[in-house]
C-alpha atoms as a PDB file:
ATOM      1  CA  UNK A   1       0.000   0.000   0.000  1.00  0.00           C
ATOM      2  CA  UNK A   2       1.246   3.467  -0.869  1.00  0.00           C
ATOM      3  CA  UNK A   3       0.033   6.586   0.931  1.00  0.00           C
ATOM      4  CA  UNK A   4       0.929   9.983  -0.448  1.00  0.00           C
ATOM      5  CA  UNK A   5       0.195  12.908  -2.709  1.00  0.00           C
ATOM      6  CA  UNK A   6       1.557  15.250  -5.315  1.00  0.00           C
ATOM      7  CA  UNK A   7       4.576  14.962  -7.561  1.00  0.00           C
ATOM      8  CA  UNK A   8       6.594  12.689  -5.231  1.00  0.00           C
ATOM      9  CA  UNK A   9       3.748  10.150  -5.294  1.00  0.00           C
ATOM     10  CA  UNK A  10       3.462  10.434  -9.083  1.00  0.00           C
ATOM     11  CA  UNK A  11       7.232   9.927  -9.448  1.00  0.00           C
ATOM     12  CA  UNK A  12       7.112   6.860  -7.192  1.00  0.00           C
ATOM     13  CA  UNK A  13       4.245   5.317  -9.155  1.00  0.00           C
ATOM     14  CA  UNK A  14       6.068   6.020 -12.437  1.00  0.00           C
ATOM     15  CA  UNK A  15       9.137   4.179 -11.110  1.00  0.00           C
ATOM     16  CA  UNK A  16       6.994   1.179 -10.128  1.00  0.00           C
ATOM     17  CA  UNK A  17       5.435   1.170 -13.598  1.00  0.00           C
ATOM     18  CA  UNK A  18       8.894   1.387 -15.204  1.00  0.00           C
ATOM     19  CA  UNK A  19      10.216  -1.432 -12.993  1.00  0.00           C
ATOM     20  CA  UNK A  20       7.240  -3.683 -13.729  1.00  0.00           C
ATOM     21  CA  UNK A  21       7.555  -3.160 -17.484  1.00  0.00           C
ATOM     22  CA  UNK A  22      11.280  -3.955 -17.477  1.00  0.00           C
ATOM     23  CA  UNK A  23      11.033  -6.996 -15.225  1.00  0.00           C
ATOM     24  CA  UNK A  24       7.905  -9.020 -16.084  1.00  0.00           C
ATOM     25  CA  UNK A  25       9.008 -12.128 -14.164  1.00  0.00           C
ATOM     26  CA  UNK A  26       9.243 -10.189 -10.892  1.00  0.00           C
ATOM     27  CA  UNK A  27       6.865  -7.294 -10.393  1.00  0.00           C
ATOM     28  CA  UNK A  28       5.836  -4.916  -7.677  1.00  0.00           C
ATOM     29  CA  UNK A  29       2.122  -5.357  -7.030  1.00  0.00           C
ATOM     30  CA  UNK A  30       0.337  -2.216  -5.906  1.00  0.00           C
ATOM     31  CA  UNK A  31      -2.421  -3.335  -3.563  1.00  0.00           C
ATOM     32  CA  UNK A  32      -3.824   0.148  -2.945  1.00  0.00           C
ATOM     33  CA  UNK A  33      -2.865   3.778  -3.464  1.00  0.00           C
ATOM     34  CA  UNK A  34      -4.209   6.090  -0.770  1.00  0.00           C
ATOM     35  CA  UNK A  35      -4.303   9.672  -1.981  1.00  0.00           C
ATOM     36  CA  UNK A  36      -3.672  11.898   1.043  1.00  0.00           C
ATOM     37  CA  UNK A  37      -6.271  14.669   0.923  1.00  0.00           C
ATOM     38  CA  UNK A  38      -5.541  16.096   4.391  1.00  0.00           C
ATOM     39  CA  UNK A  39      -3.237  18.840   3.162  1.00  0.00           C
ATOM     40  CA  UNK A  40      -3.380  18.529  -0.604  1.00  0.00           C
ATOM     41  CA  UNK A  41      -6.005  19.100  -3.266  1.00  0.00           C
ATOM     42  CA  UNK A  42      -5.992  16.149  -5.622  1.00  0.00           C
ATOM     43  CA  UNK A  43      -5.095  16.799  -9.209  1.00  0.00           C
ATOM     44  CA  UNK A  44      -6.606  14.901 -12.073  1.00  0.00           C
ATOM     45  CA  UNK A  45      -3.154  13.469 -12.800  1.00  0.00           C
ATOM     46  CA  UNK A  46      -3.015  11.321  -9.681  1.00  0.00           C
ATOM     47  CA  UNK A  47      -6.425   9.780 -10.317  1.00  0.00           C
ATOM     48  CA  UNK A  48      -5.745   9.428 -14.064  1.00  0.00           C
ATOM     49  CA  UNK A  49      -2.472   7.555 -13.501  1.00  0.00           C
ATOM     50  CA  UNK A  50      -4.090   5.160 -11.012  1.00  0.00           C
ATOM     51  CA  UNK A  51      -7.018   4.479 -13.345  1.00  0.00           C
ATOM     52  CA  UNK A  52      -4.765   4.049 -16.395  1.00  0.00           C
ATOM     53  CA  UNK A  53      -2.518   1.549 -14.586  1.00  0.00           C
ATOM     54  CA  UNK A  54      -5.474  -0.134 -12.846  1.00  0.00           C
ATOM     55  CA  UNK A  55      -4.064   0.673  -9.408  1.00  0.00           C
ATOM     56  CA  UNK A  56      -6.883   0.563  -6.855  1.00  0.00           C
ATOM     57  CA  UNK A  57      -7.055   3.945  -5.134  1.00  0.00           C
ATOM     58  CA  UNK A  58      -9.030   6.045  -2.717  1.00  0.00           C
ATOM     59  CA  UNK A  59      -8.688   9.436  -1.094  1.00  0.00           C
ATOM     60  CA  UNK A  60      -8.541   9.963   2.643  1.00  0.00           C
ATOM     61  CA  UNK A  61      -8.083  12.993   4.844  1.00  0.00           C
ATOM     62  CA  UNK A  62      -7.800  10.799   7.967  1.00  0.00           C
ATOM     63  CA  UNK A  63      -5.932   7.508   7.565  1.00  0.00           C
ATOM     64  CA  UNK A  64      -6.389   6.774  11.259  1.00  0.00           C
ATOM     65  CA  UNK A  65     -10.179   6.981  11.289  1.00  0.00           C
ATOM     66  CA  UNK A  66     -12.186   3.922  12.233  1.00  0.00           C
ATOM     67  CA  UNK A  67     -13.933   3.984   8.840  1.00  0.00           C
ATOM     68  CA  UNK A  68     -10.629   3.987   6.958  1.00  0.00           C
ATOM     69  CA  UNK A  69      -9.147   1.187   9.071  1.00  0.00           C
ATOM     70  CA  UNK A  70     -12.326  -0.897   8.674  1.00  0.00           C
ATOM     71  CA  UNK A  71     -12.142  -0.326   4.913  1.00  0.00           C
ATOM     72  CA  UNK A  72      -8.739  -2.015   4.898  1.00  0.00           C
ATOM     73  CA  UNK A  73     -10.076  -5.174   6.540  1.00  0.00           C
ATOM     74  CA  UNK A  74      -9.772  -8.076   4.173  1.00  0.00           C
ATOM     75  CA  UNK A  75      -6.626  -6.659   2.575  1.00  0.00           C
ATOM     76  CA  UNK A  76      -3.322  -8.325   3.312  1.00  0.00           C
ATOM     77  CA  UNK A  77      -0.993  -5.359   3.596  1.00  0.00           C
ATOM     78  CA  UNK A  78       2.646  -6.375   3.893  1.00  0.00           C
ATOM     79  CA  UNK A  79       4.210  -2.937   3.532  1.00  0.00           C
ATOM     80  CA  UNK A  80       3.091   0.668   3.759  1.00  0.00           C
ATOM     81  CA  UNK A  81       5.128   3.119   1.714  1.00  0.00           C
ATOM     82  CA  UNK A  82       4.620   6.747   2.735  1.00  0.00           C
ATOM     83  CA  UNK A  83       5.449   9.198  -0.060  1.00  0.00           C
ATOM     84  CA  UNK A  84       4.858  12.876   0.732  1.00  0.00           C
ATOM     85  CA  UNK A  85       2.169  11.870   3.221  1.00  0.00           C
ATOM     86  CA  UNK A  86       1.150  14.666   5.616  1.00  0.00           C
ATOM     87  CA  UNK A  87      -0.498  12.410   8.193  1.00  0.00           C
ATOM     88  CA  UNK A  88       0.948  10.481  11.104  1.00  0.00           C
ATOM     89  CA  UNK A  89       0.319   6.756  10.962  1.00  0.00           C
ATOM     90  CA  UNK A  90      -1.287   5.545  14.177  1.00  0.00           C
ATOM     91  CA  UNK A  91      -0.793   2.176  15.840  1.00  0.00           C
ATOM     92  CA  UNK A  92      -3.937   0.668  14.302  1.00  0.00           C
ATOM     93  CA  UNK A  93      -2.604   1.271  10.814  1.00  0.00           C
END
């Protein structure tokens, strides 16, 4: 799972796309992209890139809320990559 916003998030996703296209036998699966809306207005580019690459995504202005945490139930999250994320990750995350 990747949490972030803005150009640093876009650059990170572009690198994952580049890596996956150059190494088809070993790829980096993107389980979910969480677009941090707490301190950043989403641009169409972030959503467009996720849709184009079929990366599941959602926006959240509170990644520690009960609703957000419940929404992650059923997902097997091995790693959380924070890229230009303006929120603190609580213990429940």
